[in-house]
N, C-alpha and C. Protein backbone atom coordinates (compact mmCIF):
# COMPACT_ATOMS: atom_id res chain seq x y z
N UNK A 1 35.48 51.43 27.41
CA UNK A 1 34.19 52.02 27.04
C UNK A 1 33.52 51.16 25.98
N UNK A 2 34.30 50.72 24.99
CA UNK A 2 33.75 49.90 23.94
C UNK A 2 33.22 48.59 24.49
N UNK A 3 33.92 48.00 25.47
CA UNK A 3 33.48 46.74 26.05
C UNK A 3 32.16 46.92 26.79
N UNK A 4 31.99 48.01 27.51
CA UNK A 4 30.77 48.22 28.28
C UNK A 4 29.57 48.42 27.37
N UNK A 5 29.81 48.97 26.15
CA UNK A 5 28.71 49.13 25.21
C UNK A 5 28.40 47.81 24.51
N UNK A 6 29.44 47.05 24.21
CA UNK A 6 29.26 45.81 23.47
C UNK A 6 28.58 44.74 24.31
N UNK A 7 28.99 44.62 25.57
CA UNK A 7 28.51 43.53 26.41
C UNK A 7 26.99 43.55 26.59
N UNK A 8 26.39 44.72 26.96
CA UNK A 8 24.93 44.73 27.08
C UNK A 8 24.23 44.39 25.77
N UNK A 9 24.81 44.82 24.64
CA UNK A 9 24.21 44.51 23.36
C UNK A 9 24.22 43.02 23.10
N UNK A 10 25.34 42.37 23.47
CA UNK A 10 25.45 40.93 23.29
C UNK A 10 24.44 40.20 24.16
N UNK A 11 24.31 40.65 25.41
CA UNK A 11 23.35 40.04 26.33
C UNK A 11 21.93 40.18 25.79
N UNK A 12 21.61 41.36 25.30
CA UNK A 12 20.27 41.61 24.76
C UNK A 12 19.99 40.70 23.57
N UNK A 13 21.01 40.51 22.74
CA UNK A 13 20.86 39.65 21.57
C UNK A 13 20.60 38.21 21.98
N UNK A 14 21.38 37.73 22.98
CA UNK A 14 21.21 36.35 23.45
C UNK A 14 19.86 36.15 24.11
N UNK A 15 19.41 37.15 24.88
CA UNK A 15 18.11 37.05 25.53
C UNK A 15 17.00 37.00 24.49
N UNK A 16 17.16 37.79 23.44
CA UNK A 16 16.17 37.79 22.36
C UNK A 16 16.13 36.43 21.67
N UNK A 17 17.32 35.85 21.43
CA UNK A 17 17.40 34.54 20.78
C UNK A 17 16.76 33.48 21.66
N UNK A 18 17.07 33.50 22.96
CA UNK A 18 16.50 32.52 23.88
C UNK A 18 15.00 32.64 23.95
N UNK A 19 14.50 33.88 23.91
CA UNK A 19 13.07 34.11 23.97
C UNK A 19 12.38 33.50 22.76
N UNK A 20 13.00 33.66 21.56
CA UNK A 20 12.40 33.13 20.35
C UNK A 20 12.43 31.61 20.32
N UNK A 21 13.49 31.01 20.89
CA UNK A 21 13.59 29.56 20.94
C UNK A 21 12.56 29.00 21.91
N UNK A 22 12.40 29.68 23.06
CA UNK A 22 11.49 29.17 24.08
C UNK A 22 10.03 29.26 23.63
N UNK A 23 9.77 30.13 22.65
CA UNK A 23 8.40 30.25 22.15
C UNK A 23 7.96 28.96 21.47
N UNK A 24 8.91 28.17 20.98
CA UNK A 24 8.62 26.88 20.35
C UNK A 24 7.51 27.03 19.31
N UNK A 25 7.75 27.85 18.34
CA UNK A 25 6.79 28.04 17.26
C UNK A 25 7.51 27.97 15.93
N UNK A 26 6.93 27.24 15.00
CA UNK A 26 7.54 27.12 13.68
C UNK A 26 6.48 27.31 12.60
N UNK A 27 6.71 28.27 11.72
CA UNK A 27 5.79 28.52 10.61
C UNK A 27 6.04 27.49 9.52
N UNK A 28 5.08 26.60 9.30
CA UNK A 28 5.19 25.60 8.24
C UNK A 28 5.05 26.28 6.88
N UNK A 29 4.01 27.11 6.74
CA UNK A 29 3.82 27.83 5.48
C UNK A 29 2.91 29.04 5.67
N UNK A 30 3.31 30.15 5.03
CA UNK A 30 2.46 31.34 4.95
C UNK A 30 1.66 31.32 3.64
N UNK A 31 1.94 30.32 2.80
CA UNK A 31 1.27 30.14 1.51
C UNK A 31 1.43 31.34 0.58
N UNK A 32 2.60 31.96 0.67
CA UNK A 32 2.94 33.03 -0.27
C UNK A 32 3.73 32.50 -1.46
N UNK A 33 4.10 31.21 -1.39
CA UNK A 33 4.84 30.56 -2.47
C UNK A 33 4.49 29.07 -2.45
N UNK A 34 4.82 28.36 -3.51
CA UNK A 34 4.42 26.96 -3.63
C UNK A 34 5.15 26.07 -2.62
N UNK A 35 6.40 26.37 -2.36
CA UNK A 35 7.13 25.59 -1.36
C UNK A 35 6.85 26.13 0.04
N UNK A 36 6.92 25.24 1.03
CA UNK A 36 6.73 25.70 2.41
C UNK A 36 8.01 26.30 2.96
N UNK A 37 8.01 26.66 4.24
CA UNK A 37 9.16 27.35 4.83
C UNK A 37 10.38 26.46 4.99
N UNK A 38 10.20 25.14 4.85
CA UNK A 38 11.32 24.21 4.87
C UNK A 38 11.87 23.96 3.47
N UNK A 39 11.19 24.53 2.47
CA UNK A 39 11.57 24.27 1.09
C UNK A 39 10.90 23.03 0.52
N UNK A 40 9.96 22.46 1.30
CA UNK A 40 9.27 21.26 0.88
C UNK A 40 8.20 21.53 -0.16
N UNK A 41 7.99 20.58 -1.05
CA UNK A 41 6.98 20.71 -2.09
C UNK A 41 5.58 20.66 -1.50
N UNK A 42 4.66 21.41 -2.09
CA UNK A 42 3.26 21.41 -1.70
C UNK A 42 2.42 21.29 -2.95
N UNK A 43 1.48 20.33 -2.96
CA UNK A 43 0.70 20.10 -4.15
C UNK A 43 -0.55 19.29 -3.82
N UNK A 44 -1.26 18.84 -4.87
CA UNK A 44 -2.43 17.99 -4.66
C UNK A 44 -2.04 16.53 -4.82
N UNK A 45 -2.85 15.66 -4.24
CA UNK A 45 -2.81 14.24 -4.58
C UNK A 45 -4.23 13.86 -4.98
N UNK A 46 -4.38 12.93 -5.89
CA UNK A 46 -5.70 12.58 -6.36
C UNK A 46 -5.72 11.22 -7.03
N UNK A 47 -6.86 10.58 -6.94
CA UNK A 47 -7.10 9.31 -7.61
C UNK A 47 -8.48 9.39 -8.26
N UNK A 48 -8.51 9.21 -9.58
CA UNK A 48 -9.77 9.32 -10.32
C UNK A 48 -10.81 8.33 -9.76
N UNK A 49 -12.09 8.75 -9.79
CA UNK A 49 -12.62 9.94 -10.47
C UNK A 49 -12.57 11.23 -9.64
N UNK A 50 -12.07 11.19 -8.41
CA UNK A 50 -11.97 12.41 -7.61
C UNK A 50 -10.80 13.26 -8.11
N UNK A 51 -10.88 14.55 -7.84
CA UNK A 51 -9.80 15.44 -8.29
C UNK A 51 -9.74 16.68 -7.41
N UNK A 52 -8.61 17.35 -7.45
CA UNK A 52 -8.41 18.58 -6.67
C UNK A 52 -7.45 19.49 -7.41
N UNK A 53 -7.53 20.77 -7.11
CA UNK A 53 -6.64 21.75 -7.72
C UNK A 53 -6.29 22.79 -6.67
N UNK A 54 -5.03 23.23 -6.63
CA UNK A 54 -4.63 24.27 -5.68
C UNK A 54 -4.04 25.47 -6.42
N UNK A 55 -4.34 26.65 -5.90
CA UNK A 55 -3.75 27.88 -6.40
C UNK A 55 -3.47 28.78 -5.21
N UNK A 56 -2.54 29.70 -5.38
CA UNK A 56 -2.25 30.71 -4.37
C UNK A 56 -2.94 31.99 -4.77
N UNK A 57 -3.75 32.55 -3.89
CA UNK A 57 -4.57 33.73 -4.24
C UNK A 57 -4.32 34.87 -3.25
N UNK A 58 -4.34 36.08 -3.76
CA UNK A 58 -4.19 37.27 -2.93
C UNK A 58 -5.55 37.77 -2.43
N UNK A 59 -6.57 37.62 -3.27
CA UNK A 59 -7.89 38.12 -2.93
C UNK A 59 -8.48 37.36 -1.75
N UNK A 60 -8.71 38.06 -0.66
CA UNK A 60 -9.32 37.45 0.51
C UNK A 60 -8.36 36.69 1.40
N UNK A 61 -7.05 36.83 1.19
CA UNK A 61 -6.08 36.14 2.04
C UNK A 61 -6.19 36.60 3.49
N UNK A 62 -5.81 35.74 4.40
CA UNK A 62 -5.90 36.06 5.83
C UNK A 62 -4.97 37.19 6.20
N UNK A 63 -3.74 37.13 5.70
CA UNK A 63 -2.75 38.16 6.00
C UNK A 63 -2.74 39.20 4.88
N UNK A 64 -3.06 40.43 5.23
CA UNK A 64 -3.13 41.51 4.24
C UNK A 64 -1.79 41.64 3.52
N UNK A 65 -1.85 41.70 2.20
CA UNK A 65 -0.63 41.81 1.41
C UNK A 65 0.00 40.47 1.08
N UNK A 66 -0.51 39.40 1.68
CA UNK A 66 0.02 38.08 1.41
C UNK A 66 -0.91 37.26 0.53
N UNK A 67 -0.72 35.96 0.55
CA UNK A 67 -1.56 35.05 -0.23
C UNK A 67 -2.10 33.95 0.67
N UNK A 68 -3.09 33.25 0.16
CA UNK A 68 -3.66 32.10 0.85
C UNK A 68 -3.71 30.93 -0.12
N UNK A 69 -3.81 29.73 0.41
CA UNK A 69 -3.96 28.53 -0.39
C UNK A 69 -5.44 28.31 -0.69
N UNK A 70 -5.77 28.21 -1.95
CA UNK A 70 -7.14 27.91 -2.38
C UNK A 70 -7.16 26.46 -2.88
N UNK A 71 -8.02 25.64 -2.28
CA UNK A 71 -8.12 24.24 -2.67
C UNK A 71 -9.52 23.97 -3.21
N UNK A 72 -9.61 23.70 -4.50
CA UNK A 72 -10.86 23.27 -5.12
C UNK A 72 -10.88 21.75 -5.14
N UNK A 73 -11.96 21.15 -4.67
CA UNK A 73 -12.01 19.70 -4.60
C UNK A 73 -13.33 19.16 -5.15
N UNK A 74 -13.26 17.98 -5.71
CA UNK A 74 -14.43 17.27 -6.21
C UNK A 74 -14.27 15.80 -5.83
N UNK A 75 -14.80 15.47 -4.66
CA UNK A 75 -14.70 14.10 -4.13
C UNK A 75 -15.92 13.31 -4.58
N UNK A 76 -15.69 12.29 -5.40
CA UNK A 76 -16.77 11.46 -5.91
C UNK A 76 -17.13 10.38 -4.88
N UNK A 77 -18.33 9.87 -5.01
CA UNK A 77 -18.80 8.87 -4.05
C UNK A 77 -18.76 7.45 -4.55
N UNK A 78 -18.49 7.26 -5.83
CA UNK A 78 -18.45 5.91 -6.37
C UNK A 78 -17.46 5.85 -7.52
N UNK A 79 -17.11 4.62 -7.91
CA UNK A 79 -16.13 4.42 -8.98
C UNK A 79 -14.71 4.39 -8.44
N UNK A 80 -13.76 4.15 -9.29
CA UNK A 80 -12.36 4.13 -8.88
C UNK A 80 -12.03 2.91 -8.03
N UNK A 81 -10.83 2.87 -7.48
CA UNK A 81 -10.42 1.75 -6.62
C UNK A 81 -11.37 1.57 -5.44
N UNK A 82 -11.73 0.34 -5.14
CA UNK A 82 -12.60 -0.01 -4.01
C UNK A 82 -14.02 0.51 -4.18
N UNK A 83 -14.34 1.14 -5.31
CA UNK A 83 -15.69 1.60 -5.57
C UNK A 83 -16.15 2.77 -4.72
N UNK A 84 -15.22 3.50 -4.11
CA UNK A 84 -15.58 4.59 -3.21
C UNK A 84 -15.26 5.98 -3.78
N UNK A 85 -15.05 6.04 -5.08
CA UNK A 85 -14.88 7.34 -5.72
C UNK A 85 -13.47 7.88 -5.74
N UNK A 86 -12.50 7.06 -5.38
CA UNK A 86 -11.12 7.55 -5.32
C UNK A 86 -10.91 8.48 -4.15
N UNK A 87 -9.90 9.36 -4.26
CA UNK A 87 -9.57 10.26 -3.16
C UNK A 87 -8.87 11.49 -3.69
N UNK A 88 -8.83 12.54 -2.85
CA UNK A 88 -8.13 13.76 -3.26
C UNK A 88 -7.82 14.61 -2.04
N UNK A 89 -6.86 15.50 -2.21
CA UNK A 89 -6.49 16.38 -1.12
C UNK A 89 -5.23 17.18 -1.45
N UNK A 90 -4.69 17.81 -0.42
CA UNK A 90 -3.49 18.65 -0.54
C UNK A 90 -2.45 18.13 0.45
N UNK A 91 -1.19 18.22 0.06
CA UNK A 91 -0.11 17.85 0.98
C UNK A 91 1.00 18.88 0.95
N UNK A 92 1.71 18.99 2.06
CA UNK A 92 2.95 19.77 2.11
C UNK A 92 3.99 18.92 2.82
N UNK A 93 5.17 18.80 2.23
CA UNK A 93 6.21 17.92 2.74
C UNK A 93 7.05 18.59 3.83
N UNK A 94 7.21 17.89 4.94
CA UNK A 94 8.09 18.35 6.01
C UNK A 94 9.48 17.74 5.90
N UNK A 95 9.57 16.59 5.27
CA UNK A 95 10.88 15.94 5.12
C UNK A 95 11.64 16.56 3.97
N UNK A 96 12.96 16.55 4.07
CA UNK A 96 13.84 17.04 3.01
C UNK A 96 14.70 15.88 2.54
N UNK A 97 14.47 15.45 1.29
CA UNK A 97 15.10 14.22 0.77
C UNK A 97 14.73 13.07 1.71
N UNK A 98 15.69 12.49 2.38
CA UNK A 98 15.39 11.40 3.31
C UNK A 98 15.53 11.83 4.77
N UNK A 99 15.62 13.14 4.99
CA UNK A 99 15.72 13.66 6.34
C UNK A 99 14.34 14.10 6.82
N UNK A 100 13.87 13.48 7.89
CA UNK A 100 12.54 13.77 8.42
C UNK A 100 12.60 14.91 9.42
N UNK A 101 11.47 15.57 9.61
CA UNK A 101 11.39 16.76 10.45
C UNK A 101 11.12 16.37 11.90
N UNK A 102 11.93 16.88 12.81
CA UNK A 102 11.74 16.61 14.24
C UNK A 102 10.72 17.60 14.80
N UNK A 103 9.50 17.12 15.02
CA UNK A 103 8.45 17.97 15.57
C UNK A 103 8.12 17.65 17.01
N UNK A 104 9.03 16.95 17.69
CA UNK A 104 8.74 16.48 19.04
C UNK A 104 8.59 17.59 20.07
N UNK A 105 9.07 18.79 19.75
CA UNK A 105 8.96 19.90 20.72
C UNK A 105 7.64 20.64 20.60
N UNK A 106 6.83 20.26 19.62
CA UNK A 106 5.56 20.96 19.40
C UNK A 106 4.38 20.16 19.94
N UNK A 107 3.32 20.85 20.28
CA UNK A 107 2.13 20.22 20.85
C UNK A 107 0.89 20.35 19.97
N UNK A 108 0.84 21.38 19.14
CA UNK A 108 -0.37 21.65 18.37
C UNK A 108 -0.04 22.14 16.96
N UNK A 109 -0.97 21.85 16.04
CA UNK A 109 -0.91 22.38 14.68
C UNK A 109 -2.01 23.43 14.54
N UNK A 110 -1.64 24.61 14.06
CA UNK A 110 -2.58 25.73 13.91
C UNK A 110 -2.64 26.15 12.44
N UNK A 111 -3.82 26.51 11.96
CA UNK A 111 -3.93 27.19 10.66
C UNK A 111 -5.28 27.90 10.58
N UNK A 112 -5.35 28.84 9.67
CA UNK A 112 -6.58 29.57 9.41
C UNK A 112 -7.31 28.88 8.27
N UNK A 113 -8.66 28.83 8.37
CA UNK A 113 -9.43 28.15 7.34
C UNK A 113 -10.79 28.82 7.15
N UNK A 114 -11.27 28.82 5.91
CA UNK A 114 -12.64 29.24 5.61
C UNK A 114 -13.09 28.54 4.33
N UNK A 115 -14.40 28.56 4.06
CA UNK A 115 -14.93 27.97 2.85
C UNK A 115 -15.72 28.99 2.05
N UNK A 116 -16.21 28.59 0.91
CA UNK A 116 -17.01 29.50 0.10
C UNK A 116 -18.50 29.41 0.44
N UNK A 117 -18.93 28.28 1.03
CA UNK A 117 -20.34 28.12 1.39
C UNK A 117 -20.54 27.78 2.86
N UNK A 118 -19.54 27.25 3.51
CA UNK A 118 -19.68 26.78 4.88
C UNK A 118 -20.13 25.33 4.96
N UNK A 119 -20.30 24.68 3.81
CA UNK A 119 -20.70 23.27 3.77
C UNK A 119 -19.50 22.36 3.52
N UNK A 120 -18.32 22.93 3.39
CA UNK A 120 -17.12 22.13 3.11
C UNK A 120 -16.70 21.34 4.35
N UNK A 121 -15.94 20.30 4.12
CA UNK A 121 -15.47 19.48 5.24
C UNK A 121 -14.20 18.74 4.83
N UNK A 122 -13.36 18.42 5.78
CA UNK A 122 -12.17 17.62 5.53
C UNK A 122 -11.59 17.13 6.84
N UNK A 123 -10.62 16.27 6.74
CA UNK A 123 -9.81 15.85 7.88
C UNK A 123 -8.37 16.29 7.62
N UNK A 124 -7.58 16.36 8.67
CA UNK A 124 -6.15 16.66 8.53
C UNK A 124 -5.37 15.38 8.74
N UNK A 125 -4.40 15.14 7.87
CA UNK A 125 -3.55 13.97 8.00
C UNK A 125 -2.13 14.38 8.38
N UNK A 126 -1.48 13.53 9.14
CA UNK A 126 -0.08 13.74 9.51
C UNK A 126 0.64 12.41 9.35
N UNK A 127 1.80 12.44 8.71
CA UNK A 127 2.56 11.21 8.46
C UNK A 127 3.93 11.29 9.09
N UNK A 128 4.35 10.19 9.70
CA UNK A 128 5.74 10.05 10.13
C UNK A 128 6.45 9.15 9.12
N UNK A 129 7.65 8.73 9.43
CA UNK A 129 8.44 7.94 8.48
C UNK A 129 7.72 6.66 8.08
N UNK A 130 7.15 5.97 9.05
CA UNK A 130 6.47 4.70 8.77
C UNK A 130 5.29 4.89 7.83
N UNK A 131 4.44 5.89 8.13
CA UNK A 131 3.28 6.14 7.28
C UNK A 131 3.68 6.69 5.93
N UNK A 132 4.76 7.45 5.90
CA UNK A 132 5.27 7.98 4.63
C UNK A 132 5.67 6.84 3.71
N UNK A 133 6.32 5.83 4.25
CA UNK A 133 6.75 4.69 3.45
C UNK A 133 5.57 3.86 2.96
N UNK A 134 4.44 3.95 3.67
CA UNK A 134 3.21 3.28 3.24
C UNK A 134 2.41 4.14 2.25
N UNK A 135 2.82 5.40 2.08
CA UNK A 135 2.12 6.30 1.18
C UNK A 135 0.79 6.77 1.74
N UNK A 136 0.71 6.90 3.06
CA UNK A 136 -0.56 7.29 3.70
C UNK A 136 -0.26 8.16 4.91
N UNK A 137 -1.29 8.51 5.66
CA UNK A 137 -1.13 9.34 6.86
C UNK A 137 -2.21 8.99 7.87
N UNK A 138 -2.00 9.37 9.11
CA UNK A 138 -3.01 9.21 10.16
C UNK A 138 -3.92 10.43 10.12
N UNK A 139 -5.23 10.21 10.12
CA UNK A 139 -6.18 11.31 9.98
C UNK A 139 -6.76 11.75 11.31
N UNK A 140 -7.03 13.05 11.39
CA UNK A 140 -7.71 13.63 12.55
C UNK A 140 -9.20 13.34 12.46
N UNK A 141 -9.95 13.85 13.42
CA UNK A 141 -11.40 13.86 13.29
C UNK A 141 -11.77 14.96 12.29
N UNK A 142 -13.06 15.09 11.99
CA UNK A 142 -13.49 16.13 11.06
C UNK A 142 -13.06 17.50 11.58
N UNK A 143 -12.73 18.41 10.66
CA UNK A 143 -12.12 19.68 11.02
C UNK A 143 -12.97 20.51 11.99
N UNK A 144 -14.29 20.35 11.93
CA UNK A 144 -15.15 21.12 12.81
C UNK A 144 -14.85 20.93 14.29
N UNK A 145 -14.34 19.76 14.66
CA UNK A 145 -14.01 19.50 16.06
C UNK A 145 -12.96 20.47 16.58
N UNK A 146 -12.15 21.02 15.69
CA UNK A 146 -11.03 21.86 16.09
C UNK A 146 -11.26 23.35 15.80
N UNK A 147 -12.50 23.70 15.44
CA UNK A 147 -12.84 25.09 15.11
C UNK A 147 -13.78 25.69 16.16
N UNK A 148 -13.66 26.97 16.44
CA UNK A 148 -14.51 27.62 17.46
C UNK A 148 -16.01 27.45 17.20
N UNK A 149 -16.43 27.51 15.94
CA UNK A 149 -17.85 27.43 15.62
C UNK A 149 -18.34 25.99 15.44
N UNK A 150 -17.41 25.03 15.45
CA UNK A 150 -17.78 23.64 15.28
C UNK A 150 -17.92 23.20 13.84
N UNK A 151 -17.67 24.09 12.89
CA UNK A 151 -17.73 23.77 11.47
C UNK A 151 -17.03 24.85 10.66
N UNK A 152 -16.71 24.53 9.41
CA UNK A 152 -16.18 25.54 8.50
C UNK A 152 -17.27 26.57 8.22
N UNK A 153 -16.88 27.83 8.16
CA UNK A 153 -17.80 28.90 7.78
C UNK A 153 -17.17 29.70 6.64
N UNK A 154 -17.84 30.77 6.24
CA UNK A 154 -17.30 31.63 5.17
C UNK A 154 -16.36 32.69 5.73
N UNK A 155 -16.12 32.67 7.04
CA UNK A 155 -15.18 33.59 7.67
C UNK A 155 -13.97 32.82 8.18
N UNK A 156 -12.83 33.49 8.27
CA UNK A 156 -11.62 32.85 8.77
C UNK A 156 -11.80 32.41 10.22
N UNK A 157 -11.35 31.19 10.51
CA UNK A 157 -11.28 30.68 11.88
C UNK A 157 -9.94 29.98 12.06
N UNK A 158 -9.47 29.95 13.29
CA UNK A 158 -8.22 29.24 13.57
C UNK A 158 -8.52 27.81 14.01
N UNK A 159 -7.98 26.86 13.27
CA UNK A 159 -8.04 25.45 13.67
C UNK A 159 -6.85 25.17 14.58
N UNK A 160 -7.12 24.49 15.69
CA UNK A 160 -6.05 24.11 16.63
C UNK A 160 -6.19 22.61 16.87
N UNK A 161 -5.23 21.85 16.37
CA UNK A 161 -5.29 20.39 16.45
C UNK A 161 -4.15 19.87 17.32
N UNK A 162 -4.46 19.20 18.44
CA UNK A 162 -3.39 18.61 19.26
C UNK A 162 -2.66 17.52 18.48
N UNK A 163 -1.35 17.55 18.48
CA UNK A 163 -0.60 16.54 17.74
C UNK A 163 -0.80 15.15 18.32
N UNK A 164 -1.14 15.07 19.60
CA UNK A 164 -1.34 13.76 20.22
C UNK A 164 -2.54 13.02 19.60
N UNK A 165 -3.38 13.74 18.85
CA UNK A 165 -4.51 13.09 18.18
C UNK A 165 -4.03 12.11 17.11
N UNK A 166 -2.78 12.24 16.66
CA UNK A 166 -2.31 11.42 15.55
C UNK A 166 -1.52 10.18 15.99
N UNK A 167 -0.95 10.18 17.17
CA UNK A 167 -0.20 9.04 17.70
C UNK A 167 0.86 8.54 16.71
N UNK A 168 1.92 9.34 16.59
CA UNK A 168 2.98 9.08 15.62
C UNK A 168 4.35 9.21 16.29
N UNK A 169 5.39 8.92 15.52
CA UNK A 169 6.75 9.24 15.94
C UNK A 169 7.02 10.68 15.53
N UNK A 170 6.87 11.60 16.48
CA UNK A 170 6.96 13.02 16.16
C UNK A 170 8.39 13.48 15.87
N UNK A 171 9.37 12.62 16.11
CA UNK A 171 10.75 12.98 15.79
C UNK A 171 11.05 12.80 14.30
N UNK A 172 10.15 12.14 13.57
CA UNK A 172 10.38 11.88 12.15
C UNK A 172 9.11 12.15 11.35
N UNK A 173 8.71 13.42 11.30
CA UNK A 173 7.50 13.78 10.56
C UNK A 173 7.80 13.97 9.09
N UNK A 174 6.85 13.54 8.24
CA UNK A 174 7.06 13.57 6.80
C UNK A 174 6.19 14.58 6.08
N UNK A 175 4.91 14.71 6.49
CA UNK A 175 4.01 15.57 5.73
C UNK A 175 2.76 15.92 6.52
N UNK A 176 2.10 16.98 6.08
CA UNK A 176 0.79 17.39 6.59
C UNK A 176 -0.16 17.38 5.41
N UNK A 177 -1.38 16.88 5.64
CA UNK A 177 -2.33 16.66 4.55
C UNK A 177 -3.68 17.28 4.88
N UNK A 178 -4.33 17.88 3.88
CA UNK A 178 -5.74 18.25 3.94
C UNK A 178 -6.47 17.20 3.13
N UNK A 179 -7.28 16.36 3.79
CA UNK A 179 -7.83 15.17 3.15
C UNK A 179 -9.35 15.24 3.07
N UNK A 180 -9.87 15.16 1.85
CA UNK A 180 -11.32 15.16 1.63
C UNK A 180 -11.77 13.69 1.62
N UNK A 181 -12.00 13.18 2.81
CA UNK A 181 -12.27 11.77 3.00
C UNK A 181 -13.73 11.41 2.70
N UNK A 182 -13.95 10.17 2.29
CA UNK A 182 -15.29 9.68 1.97
C UNK A 182 -16.26 9.88 3.12
N UNK A 183 -15.81 9.60 4.35
CA UNK A 183 -16.75 9.60 5.48
C UNK A 183 -17.10 10.98 6.02
N UNK A 184 -16.59 12.06 5.43
CA UNK A 184 -16.98 13.39 5.91
C UNK A 184 -18.11 14.00 5.07
N UNK A 185 -18.54 13.27 4.02
CA UNK A 185 -19.58 13.78 3.14
C UNK A 185 -20.78 12.83 3.09
N UNK A 186 -21.99 13.38 2.96
CA UNK A 186 -23.17 12.54 2.75
C UNK A 186 -22.99 11.70 1.48
N UNK A 187 -23.30 10.44 1.55
CA UNK A 187 -23.12 9.54 0.41
C UNK A 187 -21.67 9.49 -0.09
N UNK A 188 -20.75 10.00 0.71
CA UNK A 188 -19.34 9.90 0.37
C UNK A 188 -18.85 10.85 -0.69
N UNK A 189 -19.71 11.81 -1.11
CA UNK A 189 -19.34 12.72 -2.19
C UNK A 189 -19.52 14.17 -1.76
N UNK A 190 -18.60 15.03 -2.21
CA UNK A 190 -18.71 16.45 -1.92
C UNK A 190 -17.78 17.25 -2.80
N UNK A 191 -18.15 18.48 -3.07
CA UNK A 191 -17.27 19.34 -3.84
C UNK A 191 -17.37 20.77 -3.32
N UNK A 192 -16.33 21.55 -3.54
CA UNK A 192 -16.33 22.92 -3.07
C UNK A 192 -14.94 23.52 -3.07
N UNK A 193 -14.78 24.58 -2.29
CA UNK A 193 -13.50 25.30 -2.22
C UNK A 193 -13.23 25.70 -0.78
N UNK A 194 -12.03 25.40 -0.31
CA UNK A 194 -11.60 25.87 1.00
C UNK A 194 -10.33 26.70 0.84
N UNK A 195 -10.13 27.60 1.78
CA UNK A 195 -8.94 28.45 1.83
C UNK A 195 -8.18 28.14 3.12
N UNK A 196 -6.88 28.01 3.01
CA UNK A 196 -6.01 27.72 4.14
C UNK A 196 -4.91 28.78 4.20
N UNK A 197 -4.56 29.24 5.41
CA UNK A 197 -3.48 30.21 5.53
C UNK A 197 -2.79 30.06 6.88
N UNK A 198 -1.57 30.55 6.96
CA UNK A 198 -0.80 30.64 8.21
C UNK A 198 -0.76 29.33 8.99
N UNK A 199 -0.13 28.32 8.40
CA UNK A 199 0.01 27.02 9.06
C UNK A 199 1.25 27.01 9.95
N UNK A 200 1.03 26.76 11.24
CA UNK A 200 2.09 26.91 12.25
C UNK A 200 2.07 25.73 13.22
N UNK A 201 3.23 25.27 13.61
CA UNK A 201 3.38 24.29 14.70
C UNK A 201 3.76 25.05 15.97
N UNK A 202 3.09 24.74 17.08
CA UNK A 202 3.39 25.39 18.35
C UNK A 202 3.55 24.35 19.44
């Protein structure tokens, strides 16, 4: 009798596990804490005169009861290295020490995004081992290409970016970047605030 009760339970458990694996979905970050779901550090990068600041906020978060990432940015248009105003953005690390993240089973990067005015803009960067060693990443097109409305608005939208847009070694991913690039702003300069939440690989 005990075996007949145990066996169906075991089968149900295995089926549930297989179903979750076949979904091929991995939550990179819910932005409820500074580290992502892999334990990787998340912070800003910046080169003067440009600058950025990140905070985790509860007010207006996408998931009720949770938090969202708030990124304040001030991208300058002149000065700094190369005379282009420096650079700034946000990064979250997928690698752990020298172990890179195998993302080869995923096809798309998803996250929720909104701005405070709807005039904000950025590109998404993705780095593999090679680009990580160069201290850079491959950038997507402007974020509006991947949003339903074609641009950032003051309401939450889901960005869906095909990973094939980056052309990398997906078996050795290092980081994901929100990059306020010179070429996404008039005269190369822009400032504002964007909110990011629920970053997922599918």
